[in-house]
């Protein structure tokens, strides 16, 4: 493929791999120590990416919060939303104009956002956006380092794609149970794939795992 950004996945999960509660509602899994780490990661990257499901459920701002890490005064983090059907609300925080935002949609979407750009990439037979094309597009826009934060479907798509250079997963000391969103949901194509454990360390109240392909 053409040149792409370095891709760093980051997430927080329970001991049983859950990313949210059984009803799909967000859960606070990271503690303050982990939030400091996450915002330092954000401050050191060029762009942060989530799927539209995260926008609809959590309405995140996807910025660097000064309380956790100082943001660069000279540049703003590019916020990227994978949104094949153009479902990002007009009043979502991610399109508030505070920082540049790129909404990546399938071809033919006509919706526009006053304070965000839109770009199109092809989709597969299941309607999933072409991650390779999206990554090439971001690299051509000057993105050298991309931080991917979720949700579950986006994390799994990247893990299955082979385009991940590093993955950090903060494991909180909590059991959730049920059928909520999980790292291990979906197609079984990633089962049996071995990762290199680069580091394991106690972090706040939990444990931080760092993997490489």
C-alpha atoms as a PDB file:
ATOM      1  CA  UNK A   1       0.000   0.000   0.000  1.00  0.00           C
ATOM      2  CA  UNK A   2       0.965   3.636  -0.253  1.00  0.00           C
ATOM      3  CA  UNK A   3       2.560   5.297   2.752  1.00  0.00           C
ATOM      4  CA  UNK A   4       0.266   5.411   5.803  1.00  0.00           C
ATOM      5  CA  UNK A   5       0.467   6.865   9.304  1.00  0.00           C
ATOM      6  CA  UNK A   6       1.769   4.910  12.269  1.00  0.00           C
ATOM      7  CA  UNK A   7      -1.354   3.505  13.958  1.00  0.00           C
ATOM      8  CA  UNK A   8      -1.590   3.277  17.750  1.00  0.00           C
ATOM      9  CA  UNK A   9      -4.691   1.631  19.241  1.00  0.00           C
ATOM     10  CA  UNK A  10      -5.648   2.557  22.778  1.00  0.00           C
ATOM     11  CA  UNK A  11      -8.529   1.376  24.932  1.00  0.00           C
ATOM     12  CA  UNK A  12      -9.638   0.535  28.447  1.00  0.00           C
ATOM     13  CA  UNK A  13     -11.372  -2.742  29.249  1.00  0.00           C
ATOM     14  CA  UNK A  14     -12.593  -4.766  32.208  1.00  0.00           C
ATOM     15  CA  UNK A  15     -10.929  -8.016  33.296  1.00  0.00           C
ATOM     16  CA  UNK A  16     -13.406  -9.892  31.109  1.00  0.00           C
ATOM     17  CA  UNK A  17     -12.733  -7.733  28.078  1.00  0.00           C
ATOM     18  CA  UNK A  18     -15.808  -5.519  28.248  1.00  0.00           C
ATOM     19  CA  UNK A  19     -15.631  -1.966  26.928  1.00  0.00           C
ATOM     20  CA  UNK A  20     -19.032  -0.858  28.244  1.00  0.00           C
ATOM     21  CA  UNK A  21     -21.937  -2.071  30.382  1.00  0.00           C
ATOM     22  CA  UNK A  22     -24.254  -4.899  29.202  1.00  0.00           C
ATOM     23  CA  UNK A  23     -26.804  -2.346  27.961  1.00  0.00           C
ATOM     24  CA  UNK A  24     -24.105  -0.603  25.931  1.00  0.00           C
ATOM     25  CA  UNK A  25     -23.917   2.441  28.181  1.00  0.00           C
ATOM     26  CA  UNK A  26     -20.426   3.871  28.789  1.00  0.00           C
ATOM     27  CA  UNK A  27     -18.511   2.825  31.891  1.00  0.00           C
ATOM     28  CA  UNK A  28     -15.685   4.690  33.590  1.00  0.00           C
ATOM     29  CA  UNK A  29     -12.896   2.109  33.448  1.00  0.00           C
ATOM     30  CA  UNK A  30      -9.860   4.403  33.466  1.00  0.00           C
ATOM     31  CA  UNK A  31      -8.720   6.101  36.657  1.00  0.00           C
ATOM     32  CA  UNK A  32      -6.946   9.477  36.843  1.00  0.00           C
ATOM     33  CA  UNK A  33      -3.532   7.896  36.304  1.00  0.00           C
ATOM     34  CA  UNK A  34      -4.708   6.315  33.066  1.00  0.00           C
ATOM     35  CA  UNK A  35      -6.444   9.506  31.919  1.00  0.00           C
ATOM     36  CA  UNK A  36      -3.115  11.340  32.304  1.00  0.00           C
ATOM     37  CA  UNK A  37      -1.500   8.687  30.093  1.00  0.00           C
ATOM     38  CA  UNK A  38      -4.256   8.879  27.476  1.00  0.00           C
ATOM     39  CA  UNK A  39      -4.090  12.654  27.209  1.00  0.00           C
ATOM     40  CA  UNK A  40      -0.300  12.560  26.961  1.00  0.00           C
ATOM     41  CA  UNK A  41      -0.764  10.158  24.045  1.00  0.00           C
ATOM     42  CA  UNK A  42      -3.231  12.557  22.456  1.00  0.00           C
ATOM     43  CA  UNK A  43      -0.855  15.493  22.916  1.00  0.00           C
ATOM     44  CA  UNK A  44       1.908  13.602  21.106  1.00  0.00           C
ATOM     45  CA  UNK A  45      -0.112  12.490  18.078  1.00  0.00           C
ATOM     46  CA  UNK A  46      -1.393  14.168  14.911  1.00  0.00           C
ATOM     47  CA  UNK A  47      -4.919  12.773  14.774  1.00  0.00           C
ATOM     48  CA  UNK A  48      -7.371  10.837  16.916  1.00  0.00           C
ATOM     49  CA  UNK A  49      -9.983   8.508  15.401  1.00  0.00           C
ATOM     50  CA  UNK A  50     -13.276   7.035  16.613  1.00  0.00           C
ATOM     51  CA  UNK A  51     -16.334   5.519  14.987  1.00  0.00           C
ATOM     52  CA  UNK A  52     -19.685   7.253  14.764  1.00  0.00           C
ATOM     53  CA  UNK A  53     -21.086   4.889  17.408  1.00  0.00           C
ATOM     54  CA  UNK A  54     -18.802   6.512  19.970  1.00  0.00           C
ATOM     55  CA  UNK A  55     -20.008   9.942  18.873  1.00  0.00           C
ATOM     56  CA  UNK A  56     -23.672   8.951  19.217  1.00  0.00           C
ATOM     57  CA  UNK A  57     -23.264   7.283  22.633  1.00  0.00           C
ATOM     58  CA  UNK A  58     -20.618   9.407  24.371  1.00  0.00           C
ATOM     59  CA  UNK A  59     -20.529  12.727  22.459  1.00  0.00           C
ATOM     60  CA  UNK A  60     -16.791  13.149  23.201  1.00  0.00           C
ATOM     61  CA  UNK A  61     -14.858  16.321  22.436  1.00  0.00           C
ATOM     62  CA  UNK A  62     -11.706  14.345  21.448  1.00  0.00           C
ATOM     63  CA  UNK A  63      -9.361  17.062  22.656  1.00  0.00           C
ATOM     64  CA  UNK A  64      -6.376  17.252  24.986  1.00  0.00           C
ATOM     65  CA  UNK A  65      -7.485  18.404  28.428  1.00  0.00           C
ATOM     66  CA  UNK A  66      -5.025  20.684  30.202  1.00  0.00           C
ATOM     67  CA  UNK A  67      -5.914  19.069  33.535  1.00  0.00           C
ATOM     68  CA  UNK A  68      -4.246  15.862  32.325  1.00  0.00           C
ATOM     69  CA  UNK A  69      -1.660  17.002  29.765  1.00  0.00           C
ATOM     70  CA  UNK A  70      -0.750  20.376  28.292  1.00  0.00           C
ATOM     71  CA  UNK A  71      -2.049  20.823  24.766  1.00  0.00           C
ATOM     72  CA  UNK A  72       0.241  22.293  22.140  1.00  0.00           C
ATOM     73  CA  UNK A  73      -0.430  26.030  21.766  1.00  0.00           C
ATOM     74  CA  UNK A  74       0.644  25.941  18.126  1.00  0.00           C
ATOM     75  CA  UNK A  75      -1.484  23.124  16.709  1.00  0.00           C
ATOM     76  CA  UNK A  76      -4.792  21.378  17.211  1.00  0.00           C
ATOM     77  CA  UNK A  77      -5.305  17.629  17.106  1.00  0.00           C
ATOM     78  CA  UNK A  78      -7.198  16.490  14.002  1.00  0.00           C
ATOM     79  CA  UNK A  79     -10.368  14.647  15.032  1.00  0.00           C
ATOM     80  CA  UNK A  80     -11.408  11.878  12.624  1.00  0.00           C
ATOM     81  CA  UNK A  81     -14.802  10.156  12.659  1.00  0.00           C
ATOM     82  CA  UNK A  82     -15.542   7.019  10.635  1.00  0.00           C
ATOM     83  CA  UNK A  83     -19.164   7.621   9.652  1.00  0.00           C
ATOM     84  CA  UNK A  84     -20.163   5.719   6.517  1.00  0.00           C
ATOM     85  CA  UNK A  85     -23.763   6.993   6.488  1.00  0.00           C
ATOM     86  CA  UNK A  86     -23.194  10.536   7.749  1.00  0.00           C
ATOM     87  CA  UNK A  87     -24.943  10.105  11.116  1.00  0.00           C
ATOM     88  CA  UNK A  88     -22.795  12.513  13.154  1.00  0.00           C
ATOM     89  CA  UNK A  89     -25.223  15.065  14.681  1.00  0.00           C
ATOM     90  CA  UNK A  90     -24.821  18.718  13.752  1.00  0.00           C
ATOM     91  CA  UNK A  91     -24.568  19.593  17.449  1.00  0.00           C
ATOM     92  CA  UNK A  92     -21.985  16.952  18.353  1.00  0.00           C
ATOM     93  CA  UNK A  93     -18.964  18.278  20.239  1.00  0.00           C
ATOM     94  CA  UNK A  94     -16.636  16.837  17.634  1.00  0.00           C
ATOM     95  CA  UNK A  95     -17.973  19.310  15.049  1.00  0.00           C
ATOM     96  CA  UNK A  96     -17.912  22.372  17.327  1.00  0.00           C
ATOM     97  CA  UNK A  97     -15.023  24.029  15.487  1.00  0.00           C
ATOM     98  CA  UNK A  98     -12.710  23.962  18.525  1.00  0.00           C
ATOM     99  CA  UNK A  99     -10.278  21.754  16.603  1.00  0.00           C
ATOM    100  CA  UNK A 100     -10.197  20.550  12.990  1.00  0.00           C
ATOM    101  CA  UNK A 101     -12.456  17.589  12.258  1.00  0.00           C
ATOM    102  CA  UNK A 102     -12.677  15.208   9.318  1.00  0.00           C
ATOM    103  CA  UNK A 103     -15.807  13.095   8.840  1.00  0.00           C
ATOM    104  CA  UNK A 104     -15.055  10.087   6.615  1.00  0.00           C
ATOM    105  CA  UNK A 105     -18.137   8.813   4.798  1.00  0.00           C
ATOM    106  CA  UNK A 106     -19.085   6.425   2.041  1.00  0.00           C
ATOM    107  CA  UNK A 107     -19.503   7.831  -1.489  1.00  0.00           C
ATOM    108  CA  UNK A 108     -22.837   9.481  -2.124  1.00  0.00           C
ATOM    109  CA  UNK A 109     -23.400  10.962   1.336  1.00  0.00           C
ATOM    110  CA  UNK A 110     -24.627  14.522   0.866  1.00  0.00           C
ATOM    111  CA  UNK A 111     -24.686  15.712   4.479  1.00  0.00           C
ATOM    112  CA  UNK A 112     -22.246  18.482   5.339  1.00  0.00           C
ATOM    113  CA  UNK A 113     -21.117  20.041   8.625  1.00  0.00           C
ATOM    114  CA  UNK A 114     -20.471  23.760   8.955  1.00  0.00           C
ATOM    115  CA  UNK A 115     -17.364  23.337  11.109  1.00  0.00           C
ATOM    116  CA  UNK A 116     -15.987  20.046   9.795  1.00  0.00           C
ATOM    117  CA  UNK A 117     -14.619  18.678   6.553  1.00  0.00           C
ATOM    118  CA  UNK A 118     -15.917  15.568   4.858  1.00  0.00           C
ATOM    119  CA  UNK A 119     -14.005  13.031   2.774  1.00  0.00           C
ATOM    120  CA  UNK A 120     -15.219   9.910   0.971  1.00  0.00           C
ATOM    121  CA  UNK A 121     -13.656   6.463   0.753  1.00  0.00           C
ATOM    122  CA  UNK A 122     -15.018   3.268  -0.750  1.00  0.00           C
ATOM    123  CA  UNK A 123     -16.947   0.673   1.254  1.00  0.00           C
ATOM    124  CA  UNK A 124     -17.010  -3.114   1.082  1.00  0.00           C
ATOM    125  CA  UNK A 125     -20.034  -5.351   0.538  1.00  0.00           C
ATOM    126  CA  UNK A 126     -20.975  -5.036   4.222  1.00  0.00           C
ATOM    127  CA  UNK A 127     -20.822  -1.242   4.098  1.00  0.00           C
ATOM    128  CA  UNK A 128     -17.564  -0.949   6.050  1.00  0.00           C
ATOM    129  CA  UNK A 129     -15.247   1.884   5.097  1.00  0.00           C
ATOM    130  CA  UNK A 130     -11.973   0.988   3.391  1.00  0.00           C
ATOM    131  CA  UNK A 131      -9.398   1.476   6.177  1.00  0.00           C
ATOM    132  CA  UNK A 132      -6.435   1.300   3.821  1.00  0.00           C
ATOM    133  CA  UNK A 133      -7.819   4.093   1.629  1.00  0.00           C
ATOM    134  CA  UNK A 134      -8.665   6.140   4.717  1.00  0.00           C
ATOM    135  CA  UNK A 135      -5.131   5.772   6.112  1.00  0.00           C
ATOM    136  CA  UNK A 136      -3.553   6.799   2.809  1.00  0.00           C
ATOM    137  CA  UNK A 137      -5.852   9.830   2.728  1.00  0.00           C
ATOM    138  CA  UNK A 138      -4.788  10.844   6.239  1.00  0.00           C
ATOM    139  CA  UNK A 139      -1.092  10.463   5.428  1.00  0.00           C
ATOM    140  CA  UNK A 140      -1.517  12.703   2.398  1.00  0.00           C
ATOM    141  CA  UNK A 141      -3.020  15.283   4.747  1.00  0.00           C
ATOM    142  CA  UNK A 142       0.157  15.234   6.838  1.00  0.00           C
ATOM    143  CA  UNK A 143      -0.920  12.783   9.555  1.00  0.00           C
ATOM    144  CA  UNK A 144       2.135  10.786  10.606  1.00  0.00           C
ATOM    145  CA  UNK A 145       0.795   9.314  13.842  1.00  0.00           C
ATOM    146  CA  UNK A 146      -2.818   8.238  14.322  1.00  0.00           C
ATOM    147  CA  UNK A 147      -4.368   7.335  17.678  1.00  0.00           C
ATOM    148  CA  UNK A 148      -7.412   5.033  17.410  1.00  0.00           C
ATOM    149  CA  UNK A 149      -9.693   5.031  20.471  1.00  0.00           C
ATOM    150  CA  UNK A 150     -12.759   3.020  19.454  1.00  0.00           C
ATOM    151  CA  UNK A 151     -15.425   1.867  19.851  1.00  0.00           C
ATOM    152  CA  UNK A 152     -15.482  -1.895  19.808  1.00  0.00           C
ATOM    153  CA  UNK A 153     -16.230  -2.309  16.098  1.00  0.00           C
ATOM    154  CA  UNK A 154     -13.508   0.124  15.076  1.00  0.00           C
ATOM    155  CA  UNK A 155     -10.942  -1.523  17.356  1.00  0.00           C
ATOM    156  CA  UNK A 156     -11.759  -4.951  15.949  1.00  0.00           C
ATOM    157  CA  UNK A 157     -11.650  -3.693  12.366  1.00  0.00           C
ATOM    158  CA  UNK A 158      -8.172  -2.268  12.886  1.00  0.00           C
ATOM    159  CA  UNK A 159      -6.919  -5.388  14.663  1.00  0.00           C
ATOM    160  CA  UNK A 160      -8.205  -7.507  11.776  1.00  0.00           C
ATOM    161  CA  UNK A 161      -6.774  -5.147   9.150  1.00  0.00           C
ATOM    162  CA  UNK A 162      -3.093  -5.629   9.936  1.00  0.00           C
ATOM    163  CA  UNK A 163      -2.549  -1.868  10.033  1.00  0.00           C
ATOM    164  CA  UNK A 164      -1.787  -1.642  13.761  1.00  0.00           C
ATOM    165  CA  UNK A 165       1.737  -0.774  14.910  1.00  0.00           C
ATOM    166  CA  UNK A 166       1.119  -0.655  18.664  1.00  0.00           C
ATOM    167  CA  UNK A 167      -1.791  -1.390  20.972  1.00  0.00           C
ATOM    168  CA  UNK A 168      -2.114  -0.271  24.579  1.00  0.00           C
ATOM    169  CA  UNK A 169      -4.941  -1.681  26.684  1.00  0.00           C
ATOM    170  CA  UNK A 170      -5.598  -0.543  30.243  1.00  0.00           C
ATOM    171  CA  UNK A 171      -7.270  -3.386  32.139  1.00  0.00           C
ATOM    172  CA  UNK A 172      -9.372  -2.196  35.063  1.00  0.00           C
ATOM    173  CA  UNK A 173      -9.789  -4.469  38.111  1.00  0.00           C
ATOM    174  CA  UNK A 174     -13.498  -4.996  37.557  1.00  0.00           C
ATOM    175  CA  UNK A 175     -15.706  -7.786  36.173  1.00  0.00           C
ATOM    176  CA  UNK A 176     -18.695  -6.674  34.084  1.00  0.00           C
ATOM    177  CA  UNK A 177     -20.242  -9.833  32.637  1.00  0.00           C
ATOM    178  CA  UNK A 178     -23.260  -9.876  30.359  1.00  0.00           C
ATOM    179  CA  UNK A 179     -23.329  -9.239  26.650  1.00  0.00           C
ATOM    180  CA  UNK A 180     -22.017  -5.676  26.496  1.00  0.00           C
ATOM    181  CA  UNK A 181     -19.507  -4.473  23.880  1.00  0.00           C
ATOM    182  CA  UNK A 182     -16.312  -6.497  24.107  1.00  0.00           C
ATOM    183  CA  UNK A 183     -12.907  -6.631  22.505  1.00  0.00           C
ATOM    184  CA  UNK A 184     -13.703 -10.201  21.540  1.00  0.00           C
ATOM    185  CA  UNK A 185     -17.070  -9.707  19.844  1.00  0.00           C
ATOM    186  CA  UNK A 186     -17.651 -10.115  16.132  1.00  0.00           C
ATOM    187  CA  UNK A 187     -15.971 -12.308  13.555  1.00  0.00           C
ATOM    188  CA  UNK A 188     -13.527 -14.923  14.904  1.00  0.00           C
ATOM    189  CA  UNK A 189     -10.770 -13.949  12.473  1.00  0.00           C
ATOM    190  CA  UNK A 190      -8.534 -12.525  15.199  1.00  0.00           C
ATOM    191  CA  UNK A 191      -8.799 -15.571  17.481  1.00  0.00           C
ATOM    192  CA  UNK A 192      -5.489 -17.396  17.539  1.00  0.00           C
ATOM    193  CA  UNK A 193      -3.521 -14.392  16.289  1.00  0.00           C
ATOM    194  CA  UNK A 194      -0.494 -13.943  18.492  1.00  0.00           C
ATOM    195  CA  UNK A 195       0.756 -10.533  19.570  1.00  0.00           C
ATOM    196  CA  UNK A 196       4.130  -9.583  20.989  1.00  0.00           C
ATOM    197  CA  UNK A 197       3.858  -8.355  24.576  1.00  0.00           C
ATOM    198  CA  UNK A 198       6.144  -5.360  24.703  1.00  0.00           C
ATOM    199  CA  UNK A 199       5.389  -4.339  28.286  1.00  0.00           C
ATOM    200  CA  UNK A 200       3.118  -5.054  31.253  1.00  0.00           C
ATOM    201  CA  UNK A 201       3.005  -2.666  34.165  1.00  0.00           C
ATOM    202  CA  UNK A 202       0.872  -1.665  37.113  1.00  0.00           C
ATOM    203  CA  UNK A 203      -0.822   1.627  36.259  1.00  0.00           C
ATOM    204  CA  UNK A 204      -2.968   3.361  38.853  1.00  0.00           C
ATOM    205  CA  UNK A 205      -5.485   0.805  40.071  1.00  0.00           C
ATOM    206  CA  UNK A 206      -5.174  -1.395  36.989  1.00  0.00           C
ATOM    207  CA  UNK A 207      -2.665  -2.943  34.613  1.00  0.00           C
ATOM    208  CA  UNK A 208      -1.421  -1.507  31.308  1.00  0.00           C
ATOM    209  CA  UNK A 209      -0.597  -3.940  28.527  1.00  0.00           C
ATOM    210  CA  UNK A 210       1.425  -2.844  25.503  1.00  0.00           C
ATOM    211  CA  UNK A 211       1.371  -5.067  22.432  1.00  0.00           C
ATOM    212  CA  UNK A 212       2.968  -5.063  18.990  1.00  0.00           C
ATOM    213  CA  UNK A 213       1.916  -7.225  16.042  1.00  0.00           C
END
